[in-house]
Amino acid sequence: MPDIHDHTHAPRVDCEQALAEIYTYLDGELTDEKRTLIAGHLEGCNPCIEVYDFEAELRVVISTRARNEAVPETLRMRIAEKLTLFVRGEIPDVEASSDAGADPSADFGADFGAGADPRIGQPPASDA
């Protein structure tokens, strides 16, 4: 039996909408309906599928590199401690804290040793 329904008014997603949802799509956090709409758009849009492919590959590279990097034990311990306090509800309110304006990452480099660059865990290059 032929399909007699009018499909011209089916919901569609434009490039802006698809790209705005690309990260939630990659994370698998969309509703089935929204995921289907985004997937349909990606199938027919080369520029958007290129963005999707790039972002998916970037996640693989980051994930692979992150697994190969050693995390300092002191950093692991501090994170575990903070998570435990958070779960217990014992983390102080940052906005009510007296150093609310302080940079919370100010002592981050301490986990990597003196003079280390916390972004990569290696000593900074000299300007020689």
PDB file of N, CA and C in Angstrom:
ATOM      1  N   MET A   1       0.853  -1.178   0.000  1.00  0.00           N
ATOM      2  CA  MET A   1       0.000   0.000   0.000  1.00  0.00           C
ATOM      3  C   MET A   1       0.893   1.233   0.000  1.00  0.00           C
ATOM      4  N   PRO A   2       0.639   2.196  -0.859  1.00  0.00           N
ATOM      5  CA  PRO A   2       1.481   3.403  -0.923  1.00  0.00           C
ATOM      6  C   PRO A   2       1.303   4.278   0.309  1.00  0.00           C
ATOM      7  N   ASP A   3       2.375   5.013   0.626  1.00  0.00           N
ATOM      8  CA  ASP A   3       2.365   5.929   1.762  1.00  0.00           C
ATOM      9  C   ASP A   3       1.647   7.203   1.333  1.00  0.00           C
ATOM     10  N   ILE A   4       0.520   7.499   1.978  1.00  0.00           N
ATOM     11  CA  ILE A   4      -0.263   8.664   1.575  1.00  0.00           C
ATOM     12  C   ILE A   4      -0.081   9.851   2.520  1.00  0.00           C
ATOM     13  N   HIS A   5       0.821   9.734   3.468  1.00  0.00           N
ATOM     14  CA  HIS A   5       1.063  10.813   4.423  1.00  0.00           C
ATOM     15  C   HIS A   5       1.932  11.891   3.792  1.00  0.00           C
ATOM     16  N   ASP A   6       1.690  13.107   4.187  1.00  0.00           N
ATOM     17  CA  ASP A   6       2.486  14.234   3.723  1.00  0.00           C
ATOM     18  C   ASP A   6       3.699  14.386   4.639  1.00  0.00           C
ATOM     19  N   HIS A   7       4.914  14.111   4.115  1.00  0.00           N
ATOM     20  CA  HIS A   7       6.139  14.185   4.917  1.00  0.00           C
ATOM     21  C   HIS A   7       6.870  15.513   4.752  1.00  0.00           C
ATOM     22  N   THR A   8       6.283  16.444   4.022  1.00  0.00           N
ATOM     23  CA  THR A   8       6.966  17.716   3.803  1.00  0.00           C
ATOM     24  C   THR A   8       7.054  18.548   5.068  1.00  0.00           C
ATOM     25  N   HIS A   9       6.223  18.260   6.071  1.00  0.00           N
ATOM     26  CA  HIS A   9       6.240  19.031   7.308  1.00  0.00           C
ATOM     27  C   HIS A   9       6.961  18.301   8.436  1.00  0.00           C
ATOM     28  N   ALA A  10       7.707  17.263   8.090  1.00  0.00           N
ATOM     29  CA  ALA A  10       8.472  16.541   9.111  1.00  0.00           C
ATOM     30  C   ALA A  10       9.502  17.494   9.707  1.00  0.00           C
ATOM     31  N   PRO A  11       9.755  17.365  11.001  1.00  0.00           N
ATOM     32  CA  PRO A  11      10.742  18.258  11.622  1.00  0.00           C
ATOM     33  C   PRO A  11      12.110  18.096  10.963  1.00  0.00           C
ATOM     34  N   ARG A  12      12.772  19.211  10.799  1.00  0.00           N
ATOM     35  CA  ARG A  12      14.094  19.201  10.189  1.00  0.00           C
ATOM     36  C   ARG A  12      15.036  19.985  11.083  1.00  0.00           C
ATOM     37  N   VAL A  13      16.321  19.715  10.915  1.00  0.00           N
ATOM     38  CA  VAL A  13      17.351  20.386  11.689  1.00  0.00           C
ATOM     39  C   VAL A  13      18.265  21.091  10.707  1.00  0.00           C
ATOM     40  N   ASP A  14      18.562  22.368  10.963  1.00  0.00           N
ATOM     41  CA  ASP A  14      19.511  23.063  10.094  1.00  0.00           C
ATOM     42  C   ASP A  14      20.922  22.925  10.667  1.00  0.00           C
ATOM     43  N   CYS A  15      21.894  23.424   9.934  1.00  0.00           N
ATOM     44  CA  CYS A  15      23.300  23.283  10.338  1.00  0.00           C
ATOM     45  C   CYS A  15      23.551  23.888  11.715  1.00  0.00           C
ATOM     46  N   GLU A  16      23.019  25.055  11.961  1.00  0.00           N
ATOM     47  CA  GLU A  16      23.243  25.717  13.250  1.00  0.00           C
ATOM     48  C   GLU A  16      22.713  24.865  14.398  1.00  0.00           C
ATOM     49  N   GLN A  17      21.512  24.313  14.230  1.00  0.00           N
ATOM     50  CA  GLN A  17      20.926  23.465  15.274  1.00  0.00           C
ATOM     51  C   GLN A  17      21.734  22.175  15.451  1.00  0.00           C
ATOM     52  N   ALA A  18      22.141  21.577  14.338  1.00  0.00           N
ATOM     53  CA  ALA A  18      22.903  20.324  14.410  1.00  0.00           C
ATOM     54  C   ALA A  18      24.238  20.548  15.115  1.00  0.00           C
ATOM     55  N   LEU A  19      24.931  21.605  14.755  1.00  0.00           N
ATOM     56  CA  LEU A  19      26.239  21.868  15.360  1.00  0.00           C
ATOM     57  C   LEU A  19      26.118  22.284  16.819  1.00  0.00           C
ATOM     58  N   ALA A  20      25.011  22.928  17.178  1.00  0.00           N
ATOM     59  CA  ALA A  20      24.801  23.305  18.575  1.00  0.00           C
ATOM     60  C   ALA A  20      24.621  22.063  19.457  1.00  0.00           C
ATOM     61  N   GLU A  21      24.172  20.965  18.861  1.00  0.00           N
ATOM     62  CA  GLU A  21      23.929  19.733  19.612  1.00  0.00           C
ATOM     63  C   GLU A  21      25.013  18.676  19.378  1.00  0.00           C
ATOM     64  N   ILE A  22      26.069  19.009  18.655  1.00  0.00           N
ATOM     65  CA  ILE A  22      27.053  18.000  18.253  1.00  0.00           C
ATOM     66  C   ILE A  22      27.708  17.313  19.452  1.00  0.00           C
ATOM     67  N   TYR A  23      27.993  18.069  20.517  1.00  0.00           N
ATOM     68  CA  TYR A  23      28.642  17.462  21.682  1.00  0.00           C
ATOM     69  C   TYR A  23      27.688  16.550  22.446  1.00  0.00           C
ATOM     70  N   THR A  24      26.445  16.958  22.599  1.00  0.00           N
ATOM     71  CA  THR A  24      25.479  16.085  23.273  1.00  0.00           C
ATOM     72  C   THR A  24      25.178  14.869  22.399  1.00  0.00           C
ATOM     73  N   TYR A  25      25.244  15.034  21.089  1.00  0.00           N
ATOM     74  CA  TYR A  25      25.085  13.901  20.167  1.00  0.00           C
ATOM     75  C   TYR A  25      26.247  12.925  20.357  1.00  0.00           C
ATOM     76  N   LEU A  26      27.470  13.445  20.378  1.00  0.00           N
ATOM     77  CA  LEU A  26      28.647  12.596  20.580  1.00  0.00           C
ATOM     78  C   LEU A  26      28.615  11.901  21.938  1.00  0.00           C
ATOM     79  N   ASP A  27      28.073  12.579  22.945  1.00  0.00           N
ATOM     80  CA  ASP A  27      27.993  12.016  24.294  1.00  0.00           C
ATOM     81  C   ASP A  27      26.838  11.026  24.443  1.00  0.00           C
ATOM     82  N   GLY A  28      25.972  10.934  23.427  1.00  0.00           N
ATOM     83  CA  GLY A  28      24.820  10.038  23.504  1.00  0.00           C
ATOM     84  C   GLY A  28      23.778  10.502  24.495  1.00  0.00           C
ATOM     85  N   GLU A  29      23.666  11.826  24.680  1.00  0.00           N
ATOM     86  CA  GLU A  29      22.771  12.379  25.700  1.00  0.00           C
ATOM     87  C   GLU A  29      21.512  13.022  25.123  1.00  0.00           C
ATOM     88  N   LEU A  30      21.197  12.733  23.862  1.00  0.00           N
ATOM     89  CA  LEU A  30      20.000  13.289  23.247  1.00  0.00           C
ATOM     90  C   LEU A  30      18.838  12.301  23.352  1.00  0.00           C
ATOM     91  N   THR A  31      17.635  12.829  23.250  1.00  0.00           N
ATOM     92  CA  THR A  31      16.470  11.954  23.160  1.00  0.00           C
ATOM     93  C   THR A  31      16.557  11.194  21.843  1.00  0.00           C
ATOM     94  N   ASP A  32      15.839  10.088  21.746  1.00  0.00           N
ATOM     95  CA  ASP A  32      15.843   9.306  20.508  1.00  0.00           C
ATOM     96  C   ASP A  32      15.396  10.159  19.321  1.00  0.00           C
ATOM     97  N   GLU A  33      14.375  10.978  19.538  1.00  0.00           N
ATOM     98  CA  GLU A  33      13.860  11.826  18.462  1.00  0.00           C
ATOM     99  C   GLU A  33      14.922  12.824  17.991  1.00  0.00           C
ATOM    100  N   LYS A  34      15.553  13.496  18.935  1.00  0.00           N
ATOM    101  CA  LYS A  34      16.567  14.497  18.588  1.00  0.00           C
ATOM    102  C   LYS A  34      17.780  13.832  17.930  1.00  0.00           C
ATOM    103  N   ARG A  35      18.186  12.662  18.459  1.00  0.00           N
ATOM    104  CA  ARG A  35      19.318  11.925  17.885  1.00  0.00           C
ATOM    105  C   ARG A  35      19.031  11.553  16.432  1.00  0.00           C
ATOM    106  N   THR A  36      17.812  11.110  16.166  1.00  0.00           N
ATOM    107  CA  THR A  36      17.416  10.747  14.801  1.00  0.00           C
ATOM    108  C   THR A  36      17.450  11.967  13.889  1.00  0.00           C
ATOM    109  N   LEU A  37      16.974  13.104  14.375  1.00  0.00           N
ATOM    110  CA  LEU A  37      16.994  14.336  13.581  1.00  0.00           C
ATOM    111  C   LEU A  37      18.426  14.766  13.248  1.00  0.00           C
ATOM    112  N   ILE A  38      19.307  14.730  14.249  1.00  0.00           N
ATOM    113  CA  ILE A  38      20.703  15.129  14.029  1.00  0.00           C
ATOM    114  C   ILE A  38      21.380  14.148  13.072  1.00  0.00           C
ATOM    115  N   ALA A  39      21.166  12.849  13.283  1.00  0.00           N
ATOM    116  CA  ALA A  39      21.761  11.831  12.409  1.00  0.00           C
ATOM    117  C   ALA A  39      21.290  12.028  10.963  1.00  0.00           C
ATOM    118  N   GLY A  40      20.020  12.322  10.794  1.00  0.00           N
ATOM    119  CA  GLY A  40      19.490  12.568   9.452  1.00  0.00           C
ATOM    120  C   GLY A  40      20.144  13.769   8.801  1.00  0.00           C
ATOM    121  N   HIS A  41      20.358  14.813   9.582  1.00  0.00           N
ATOM    122  CA  HIS A  41      21.022  16.004   9.042  1.00  0.00           C
ATOM    123  C   HIS A  41      22.462  15.680   8.662  1.00  0.00           C
ATOM    124  N   LEU A  42      23.176  14.988   9.538  1.00  0.00           N
ATOM    125  CA  LEU A  42      24.578  14.659   9.279  1.00  0.00           C
ATOM    126  C   LEU A  42      24.731  13.807   8.021  1.00  0.00           C
ATOM    127  N   GLU A  43      23.792  12.910   7.778  1.00  0.00           N
ATOM    128  CA  GLU A  43      23.852  12.054   6.590  1.00  0.00           C
ATOM    129  C   GLU A  43      23.816  12.858   5.298  1.00  0.00           C
ATOM    130  N   GLY A  44      23.125  13.982   5.324  1.00  0.00           N
ATOM    131  CA  GLY A  44      22.964  14.744   4.091  1.00  0.00           C
ATOM    132  C   GLY A  44      23.745  16.042   4.029  1.00  0.00           C
ATOM    133  N   CYS A  45      24.622  16.295   4.997  1.00  0.00           N
ATOM    134  CA  CYS A  45      25.323  17.586   5.037  1.00  0.00           C
ATOM    135  C   CYS A  45      26.827  17.363   5.204  1.00  0.00           C
ATOM    136  N   ASN A  46      27.570  17.502   4.111  1.00  0.00           N
ATOM    137  CA  ASN A  46      29.021  17.274   4.168  1.00  0.00           C
ATOM    138  C   ASN A  46      29.749  18.195   5.141  1.00  0.00           C
ATOM    139  N   PRO A  47      29.460  19.509   5.183  1.00  0.00           N
ATOM    140  CA  PRO A  47      30.179  20.363   6.140  1.00  0.00           C
ATOM    141  C   PRO A  47      29.938  19.936   7.596  1.00  0.00           C
ATOM    142  N   CYS A  48      28.725  19.555   7.933  1.00  0.00           N
ATOM    143  CA  CYS A  48      28.429  19.155   9.309  1.00  0.00           C
ATOM    144  C   CYS A  48      29.039  17.797   9.635  1.00  0.00           C
ATOM    145  N   ILE A  49      29.030  16.870   8.694  1.00  0.00           N
ATOM    146  CA  ILE A  49      29.633  15.561   8.967  1.00  0.00           C
ATOM    147  C   ILE A  49      31.137  15.707   9.126  1.00  0.00           C
ATOM    148  N   GLU A  50      31.742  16.678   8.429  1.00  0.00           N
ATOM    149  CA  GLU A  50      33.176  16.929   8.615  1.00  0.00           C
ATOM    150  C   GLU A  50      33.461  17.435  10.024  1.00  0.00           C
ATOM    151  N   VAL A  51      32.605  18.318  10.544  1.00  0.00           N
ATOM    152  CA  VAL A  51      32.756  18.802  11.931  1.00  0.00           C
ATOM    153  C   VAL A  51      32.574  17.633  12.886  1.00  0.00           C
ATOM    154  N   TYR A  52      31.553  16.823  12.648  1.00  0.00           N
ATOM    155  CA  TYR A  52      31.309  15.654  13.499  1.00  0.00           C
ATOM    156  C   TYR A  52      32.523  14.725  13.493  1.00  0.00           C
ATOM    157  N   ASP A  53      33.032  14.402  12.309  1.00  0.00           N
ATOM    158  CA  ASP A  53      34.192  13.509  12.201  1.00  0.00           C
ATOM    159  C   ASP A  53      35.402  14.075  12.935  1.00  0.00           C
ATOM    160  N   PHE A  54      35.637  15.381  12.789  1.00  0.00           N
ATOM    161  CA  PHE A  54      36.759  16.017  13.474  1.00  0.00           C
ATOM    162  C   PHE A  54      36.615  15.905  14.983  1.00  0.00           C
ATOM    163  N   GLU A  55      35.443  16.257  15.495  1.00  0.00           N
ATOM    164  CA  GLU A  55      35.213  16.224  16.939  1.00  0.00           C
ATOM    165  C   GLU A  55      35.299  14.799  17.485  1.00  0.00           C
ATOM    166  N   ALA A  56      34.778  13.825  16.738  1.00  0.00           N
ATOM    167  CA  ALA A  56      34.849  12.431  17.174  1.00  0.00           C
ATOM    168  C   ALA A  56      36.302  11.958  17.211  1.00  0.00           C
ATOM    169  N   GLU A  57      37.076  12.302  16.191  1.00  0.00           N
ATOM    170  CA  GLU A  57      38.483  11.915  16.152  1.00  0.00           C
ATOM    171  C   GLU A  57      39.273  12.617  17.247  1.00  0.00           C
ATOM    172  N   LEU A  58      38.978  13.891  17.501  1.00  0.00           N
ATOM    173  CA  LEU A  58      39.648  14.637  18.558  1.00  0.00           C
ATOM    174  C   LEU A  58      39.413  13.963  19.910  1.00  0.00           C
ATOM    175  N   ARG A  59      38.200  13.516  20.160  1.00  0.00           N
ATOM    176  CA  ARG A  59      37.902  12.818  21.414  1.00  0.00           C
ATOM    177  C   ARG A  59      38.721  11.540  21.545  1.00  0.00           C
ATOM    178  N   VAL A  60      38.888  10.825  20.448  1.00  0.00           N
ATOM    179  CA  VAL A  60      39.686   9.594  20.478  1.00  0.00           C
ATOM    180  C   VAL A  60      41.139   9.922  20.802  1.00  0.00           C
ATOM    181  N   VAL A  61      41.681  10.955  20.162  1.00  0.00           N
ATOM    182  CA  VAL A  61      43.072  11.347  20.400  1.00  0.00           C
ATOM    183  C   VAL A  61      43.264  11.775  21.853  1.00  0.00           C
ATOM    184  N   ILE A  62      42.376  12.612  22.354  1.00  0.00           N
ATOM    185  CA  ILE A  62      42.481  13.083  23.736  1.00  0.00           C
ATOM    186  C   ILE A  62      42.362  11.912  24.708  1.00  0.00           C
ATOM    187  N   SER A  63      41.425  11.043  24.455  1.00  0.00           N
ATOM    188  CA  SER A  63      41.235   9.885  25.334  1.00  0.00           C
ATOM    189  C   SER A  63      42.467   8.989  25.337  1.00  0.00           C
ATOM    190  N   THR A  64      43.026   8.761  24.177  1.00  0.00           N
ATOM    191  CA  THR A  64      44.221   7.923  24.070  1.00  0.00           C
ATOM    192  C   THR A  64      45.404   8.562  24.778  1.00  0.00           C
ATOM    193  N   ARG A  65      45.614   9.838  24.545  1.00  0.00           N
ATOM    194  CA  ARG A  65      46.738  10.538  25.182  1.00  0.00           C
ATOM    195  C   ARG A  65      46.551  10.623  26.688  1.00  0.00           C
ATOM    196  N   ALA A  66      45.328  10.851  27.122  1.00  0.00           N
ATOM    197  CA  ALA A  66      45.069  10.977  28.560  1.00  0.00           C
ATOM    198  C   ALA A  66      45.347   9.654  29.277  1.00  0.00           C
ATOM    199  N   ARG A  67      45.090   8.537  28.633  1.00  0.00           N
ATOM    200  CA  ARG A  67      45.361   7.241  29.249  1.00  0.00           C
ATOM    201  C   ARG A  67      46.848   6.989  29.390  1.00  0.00           C
ATOM    202  N   ASN A  68      47.640   7.598  28.505  1.00  0.00           N
ATOM    203  CA  ASN A  68      49.080   7.361  28.512  1.00  0.00           C
ATOM    204  C   ASN A  68      49.845   8.312  29.422  1.00  0.00           C
ATOM    205  N   GLU A  69      49.184   9.316  29.957  1.00  0.00           N
ATOM    206  CA  GLU A  69      49.837  10.296  30.823  1.00  0.00           C
ATOM    207  C   GLU A  69      49.744   9.844  32.278  1.00  0.00           C
ATOM    208  N   ALA A  70      50.844   9.913  32.974  1.00  0.00           N
ATOM    209  CA  ALA A  70      50.848   9.573  34.397  1.00  0.00           C
ATOM    210  C   ALA A  70      50.336  10.770  35.200  1.00  0.00           C
ATOM    211  N   VAL A  71      49.398  10.507  36.078  1.00  0.00           N
ATOM    212  CA  VAL A  71      48.860  11.553  36.947  1.00  0.00           C
ATOM    213  C   VAL A  71      49.605  11.462  38.269  1.00  0.00           C
ATOM    214  N   PRO A  72      50.165  12.576  38.733  1.00  0.00           N
ATOM    215  CA  PRO A  72      50.886  12.555  40.014  1.00  0.00           C
ATOM    216  C   PRO A  72      49.994  12.037  41.142  1.00  0.00           C
ATOM    217  N   GLU A  73      50.557  11.216  41.988  1.00  0.00           N
ATOM    218  CA  GLU A  73      49.795  10.608  43.086  1.00  0.00           C
ATOM    219  C   GLU A  73      49.200  11.668  44.012  1.00  0.00           C
ATOM    220  N   THR A  74      49.931  12.768  44.242  1.00  0.00           N
ATOM    221  CA  THR A  74      49.390  13.812  45.128  1.00  0.00           C
ATOM    222  C   THR A  74      48.117  14.425  44.530  1.00  0.00           C
ATOM    223  N   LEU A  75      48.077  14.553  43.213  1.00  0.00           N
ATOM    224  CA  LEU A  75      46.877  15.087  42.561  1.00  0.00           C
ATOM    225  C   LEU A  75      45.726  14.099  42.696  1.00  0.00           C
ATOM    226  N   ARG A  76      45.988  12.830  42.488  1.00  0.00           N
ATOM    227  CA  ARG A  76      44.948  11.797  42.653  1.00  0.00           C
ATOM    228  C   ARG A  76      44.362  11.853  44.066  1.00  0.00           C
ATOM    229  N   MET A  77      45.236  11.969  45.065  1.00  0.00           N
ATOM    230  CA  MET A  77      44.789  11.991  46.455  1.00  0.00           C
ATOM    231  C   MET A  77      43.939  13.228  46.736  1.00  0.00           C
ATOM    232  N   ARG A  78      44.359  14.389  46.217  1.00  0.00           N
ATOM    233  CA  ARG A  78      43.586  15.621  46.441  1.00  0.00           C
ATOM    234  C   ARG A  78      42.216  15.537  45.783  1.00  0.00           C
ATOM    235  N   ILE A  79      42.155  14.973  44.589  1.00  0.00           N
ATOM    236  CA  ILE A  79      40.867  14.833  43.897  1.00  0.00           C
ATOM    237  C   ILE A  79      39.967  13.877  44.665  1.00  0.00           C
ATOM    238  N   ALA A  80      40.513  12.740  45.086  1.00  0.00           N
ATOM    239  CA  ALA A  80      39.726  11.770  45.863  1.00  0.00           C
ATOM    240  C   ALA A  80      39.193  12.400  47.141  1.00  0.00           C
ATOM    241  N   GLU A  81      40.038  13.195  47.810  1.00  0.00           N
ATOM    242  CA  GLU A  81      39.625  13.863  49.042  1.00  0.00           C
ATOM    243  C   GLU A  81      38.491  14.845  48.777  1.00  0.00           C
ATOM    244  N   LYS A  82      38.629  15.642  47.722  1.00  0.00           N
ATOM    245  CA  LYS A  82      37.583  16.628  47.389  1.00  0.00           C
ATOM    246  C   LYS A  82      36.280  15.929  47.015  1.00  0.00           C
ATOM    247  N   LEU A  83      36.359  14.832  46.266  1.00  0.00           N
ATOM    248  CA  LEU A  83      35.148  14.100  45.896  1.00  0.00           C
ATOM    249  C   LEU A  83      34.456  13.516  47.120  1.00  0.00           C
ATOM    250  N   THR A  84      35.234  12.994  48.043  1.00  0.00           N
ATOM    251  CA  THR A  84      34.672  12.455  49.274  1.00  0.00           C
ATOM    252  C   THR A  84      33.958  13.551  50.053  1.00  0.00           C
ATOM    253  N   LEU A  85      34.588  14.701  50.184  1.00  0.00           N
ATOM    254  CA  LEU A  85      33.968  15.823  50.890  1.00  0.00           C
ATOM    255  C   LEU A  85      32.702  16.288  50.172  1.00  0.00           C
ATOM    256  N   PHE A  86      32.735  16.308  48.856  1.00  0.00           N
ATOM    257  CA  PHE A  86      31.574  16.726  48.075  1.00  0.00           C
ATOM    258  C   PHE A  86      30.404  15.773  48.304  1.00  0.00           C
ATOM    259  N   VAL A  87      30.682  14.477  48.240  1.00  0.00           N
ATOM    260  CA  VAL A  87      29.630  13.473  48.447  1.00  0.00           C
ATOM    261  C   VAL A  87      29.023  13.602  49.839  1.00  0.00           C
ATOM    262  N   ARG A  88      29.845  13.897  50.829  1.00  0.00           N
ATOM    263  CA  ARG A  88      29.357  14.059  52.200  1.00  0.00           C
ATOM    264  C   ARG A  88      28.660  15.396  52.418  1.00  0.00           C
ATOM    265  N   GLY A  89      28.757  16.292  51.453  1.00  0.00           N
ATOM    266  CA  GLY A  89      28.172  17.622  51.601  1.00  0.00           C
ATOM    267  C   GLY A  89      29.029  18.544  52.446  1.00  0.00           C
ATOM    268  N   GLU A  90      30.317  18.246  52.560  1.00  0.00           N
ATOM    269  CA  GLU A  90      31.211  19.013  53.422  1.00  0.00           C
ATOM    270  C   GLU A  90      32.061  20.030  52.666  1.00  0.00           C
ATOM    271  N   ILE A  91      31.829  20.193  51.400  1.00  0.00           N
ATOM    272  CA  ILE A  91      32.583  21.191  50.631  1.00  0.00           C
ATOM    273  C   ILE A  91      32.021  22.559  50.991  1.00  0.00           C
ATOM    274  N   PRO A  92      32.877  23.512  51.395  1.00  0.00           N
ATOM    275  CA  PRO A  92      32.375  24.844  51.756  1.00  0.00           C
ATOM    276  C   PRO A  92      31.844  25.580  50.529  1.00  0.00           C
ATOM    277  N   ASP A  93      30.888  26.454  50.765  1.00  0.00           N
ATOM    278  CA  ASP A  93      30.317  27.267  49.703  1.00  0.00           C
ATOM    279  C   ASP A  93      31.381  28.245  49.212  1.00  0.00           C
ATOM    280  N   VAL A  94      31.778  28.122  47.963  1.00  0.00           N
ATOM    281  CA  VAL A  94      32.854  28.940  47.411  1.00  0.00           C
ATOM    282  C   VAL A  94      32.490  30.416  47.446  1.00  0.00           C
ATOM    283  N   GLU A  95      31.245  30.742  47.157  1.00  0.00           N
ATOM    284  CA  GLU A  95      30.832  32.144  47.137  1.00  0.00           C
ATOM    285  C   GLU A  95      30.830  32.759  48.536  1.00  0.00           C
ATOM    286  N   ALA A  96      30.599  31.940  49.557  1.00  0.00           N
ATOM    287  CA  ALA A  96      30.577  32.451  50.923  1.00  0.00           C
ATOM    288  C   ALA A  96      31.972  32.470  51.530  1.00  0.00           C
ATOM    289  N   SER A  97      32.905  31.816  50.872  1.00  0.00           N
ATOM    290  CA  SER A  97      34.271  31.717  51.374  1.00  0.00           C
ATOM    291  C   SER A  97      34.945  33.084  51.358  1.00  0.00           C
ATOM    292  N   SER A  98      35.882  33.298  52.273  1.00  0.00           N
ATOM    293  CA  SER A  98      36.582  34.581  52.332  1.00  0.00           C
ATOM    294  C   SER A  98      37.486  34.780  51.125  1.00  0.00           C
ATOM    295  N   ASP A  99      37.955  33.681  50.478  1.00  0.00           N
ATOM    296  CA  ASP A  99      38.765  33.877  49.282  1.00  0.00           C
ATOM    297  C   ASP A  99      37.954  33.581  48.027  1.00  0.00           C
ATOM    298  N   ALA A 100      36.714  34.039  47.989  1.00  0.00           N
ATOM    299  CA  ALA A 100      35.863  33.785  46.832  1.00  0.00           C
ATOM    300  C   ALA A 100      36.478  34.319  45.553  1.00  0.00           C
ATOM    301  N   GLY A 101      37.267  35.371  45.641  1.00  0.00           N
ATOM    302  CA  GLY A 101      37.881  35.936  44.451  1.00  0.00           C
ATOM    303  C   GLY A 101      39.176  35.249  44.061  1.00  0.00           C
ATOM    304  N   ALA A 102      39.645  34.334  44.900  1.00  0.00           N
ATOM    305  CA  ALA A 102      40.918  33.661  44.610  1.00  0.00           C
ATOM    306  C   ALA A 102      40.755  32.679  43.463  1.00  0.00           C
ATOM    307  N   ASP A 103      41.832  32.466  42.750  1.00  0.00           N
ATOM    308  CA  ASP A 103      41.854  31.513  41.650  1.00  0.00           C
ATOM    309  C   ASP A 103      41.943  30.115  42.233  1.00  0.00           C
ATOM    310  N   PRO A 104      40.915  29.250  42.020  1.00  0.00           N
ATOM    311  CA  PRO A 104      40.930  27.919  42.615  1.00  0.00           C
ATOM    312  C   PRO A 104      42.040  27.036  42.068  1.00  0.00           C
ATOM    313  N   SER A 105      42.612  27.392  40.930  1.00  0.00           N
ATOM    314  CA  SER A 105      43.684  26.573  40.362  1.00  0.00           C
ATOM    315  C   SER A 105      45.062  27.128  40.705  1.00  0.00           C
ATOM    316  N   ALA A 106      45.123  28.121  41.605  1.00  0.00           N
ATOM    317  CA  ALA A 106      46.389  28.789  41.902  1.00  0.00           C
ATOM    318  C   ALA A 106      47.454  27.835  42.414  1.00  0.00           C
ATOM    319  N   ASP A 107      47.070  26.819  43.205  1.00  0.00           N
ATOM    320  CA  ASP A 107      48.078  25.897  43.722  1.00  0.00           C
ATOM    321  C   ASP A 107      48.131  24.601  42.926  1.00  0.00           C
ATOM    322  N   PHE A 108      47.549  24.579  41.760  1.00  0.00           N
ATOM    323  CA  PHE A 108      47.517  23.381  40.925  1.00  0.00           C
ATOM    324  C   PHE A 108      48.915  22.889  40.576  1.00  0.00           C
ATOM    325  N   GLY A 109      49.818  23.782  40.260  1.00  0.00           N
ATOM    326  CA  GLY A 109      51.173  23.413  39.878  1.00  0.00           C
ATOM    327  C   GLY A 109      51.932  22.703  40.972  1.00  0.00           C
ATOM    328  N   ALA A 110      51.518  22.841  42.225  1.00  0.00           N
ATOM    329  CA  ALA A 110      52.209  22.181  43.327  1.00  0.00           C
ATOM    330  C   ALA A 110      52.208  20.665  43.158  1.00  0.00           C
ATOM    331  N   ASP A 111      51.224  20.126  42.485  1.00  0.00           N
ATOM    332  CA  ASP A 111      51.153  18.689  42.274  1.00  0.00           C
ATOM    333  C   ASP A 111      52.175  18.198  41.260  1.00  0.00           C
ATOM    334  N   PHE A 112      52.771  19.093  40.528  1.00  0.00           N
ATOM    335  CA  PHE A 112      53.695  18.695  39.482  1.00  0.00           C
ATOM    336  C   PHE A 112      55.141  18.985  39.834  1.00  0.00           C
ATOM    337  N   GLY A 113      55.388  19.501  40.985  1.00  0.00           N
ATOM    338  CA  GLY A 113      56.762  19.803  41.390  1.00  0.00           C
ATOM    339  C   GLY A 113      57.110  21.243  41.090  1.00  0.00           C
ATOM    340  N   ALA A 114      58.140  21.737  41.764  1.00  0.00           N
ATOM    341  CA  ALA A 114      58.549  23.127  41.606  1.00  0.00           C
ATOM    342  C   ALA A 114      58.976  23.399  40.179  1.00  0.00           C
ATOM    343  N   GLY A 115      58.518  24.498  39.633  1.00  0.00           N
ATOM    344  CA  GLY A 115      58.910  24.935  38.303  1.00  0.00           C
ATOM    345  C   GLY A 115      58.247  24.168  37.173  1.00  0.00           C
ATOM    346  N   ALA A 116      57.374  23.259  37.481  1.00  0.00           N
ATOM    347  CA  ALA A 116      56.734  22.465  36.433  1.00  0.00           C
ATOM    348  C   ALA A 116      55.587  23.240  35.806  1.00  0.00           C
ATOM    349  N   ASP A 117      55.321  22.926  34.586  1.00  0.00           N
ATOM    350  CA  ASP A 117      54.200  23.504  33.864  1.00  0.00           C
ATOM    351  C   ASP A 117      53.006  22.577  34.061  1.00  0.00           C
ATOM    352  N   PRO A 118      51.975  22.970  34.838  1.00  0.00           N
ATOM    353  CA  PRO A 118      50.882  22.062  35.153  1.00  0.00           C
ATOM    354  C   PRO A 118      50.072  21.651  33.938  1.00  0.00           C
ATOM    355  N   ARG A 119      50.163  22.392  32.856  1.00  0.00           N
ATOM    356  CA  ARG A 119      49.399  22.025  31.670  1.00  0.00           C
ATOM    357  C   ARG A 119      49.902  20.727  31.061  1.00  0.00           C
ATOM    358  N   ILE A 120      51.176  20.464  31.159  1.00  0.00           N
ATOM    359  CA  ILE A 120      51.716  19.258  30.533  1.00  0.00           C
ATOM    360  C   ILE A 120      52.529  18.416  31.489  1.00  0.00           C
ATOM    361  N   GLY A 121      52.720  18.858  32.701  1.00  0.00           N
ATOM    362  CA  GLY A 121      53.446  18.061  33.676  1.00  0.00           C
ATOM    363  C   GLY A 121      54.943  17.999  33.431  1.00  0.00           C
ATOM    364  N   GLN A 122      55.458  18.911  32.651  1.00  0.00           N
ATOM    365  CA  GLN A 122      56.880  18.931  32.348  1.00  0.00           C
ATOM    366  C   GLN A 122      57.446  20.309  32.725  1.00  0.00           C
ATOM    367  N   PRO A 123      58.741  20.392  33.027  1.00  0.00           N
ATOM    368  CA  PRO A 123      59.339  21.704  33.317  1.00  0.00           C
ATOM    369  C   PRO A 123      59.197  22.612  32.109  1.00  0.00           C
ATOM    370  N   PRO A 124      58.933  23.901  32.342  1.00  0.00           N
ATOM    371  CA  PRO A 124      58.796  24.825  31.214  1.00  0.00           C
ATOM    372  C   PRO A 124      60.127  24.966  30.468  1.00  0.00           C
ATOM    373  N   ALA A 125      60.006  25.223  29.174  1.00  0.00           N
ATOM    374  CA  ALA A 125      61.200  25.398  28.353  1.00  0.00           C
ATOM    375  C   ALA A 125      61.905  26.697  28.761  1.00  0.00           C
ATOM    376  N   SER A 126      63.228  26.684  28.751  1.00  0.00           N
ATOM    377  CA  SER A 126      63.974  27.884  29.099  1.00  0.00           C
ATOM    378  C   SER A 126      63.983  28.839  27.917  1.00  0.00           C
ATOM    379  N   ASP A 127      64.137  30.099  28.185  1.00  0.00           N
ATOM    380  CA  ASP A 127      64.149  31.113  27.142  1.00  0.00           C
ATOM    381  C   ASP A 127      65.566  31.366  26.632  1.00  0.00           C
ATOM    382  N   ALA A 128      66.439  30.413  26.751  1.00  0.00           N
ATOM    383  CA  ALA A 128      67.835  30.592  26.363  1.00  0.00           C
ATOM    384  C   ALA A 128      68.005  30.643  24.874  1.00  0.00           C
TER     385      ALA A 128
END
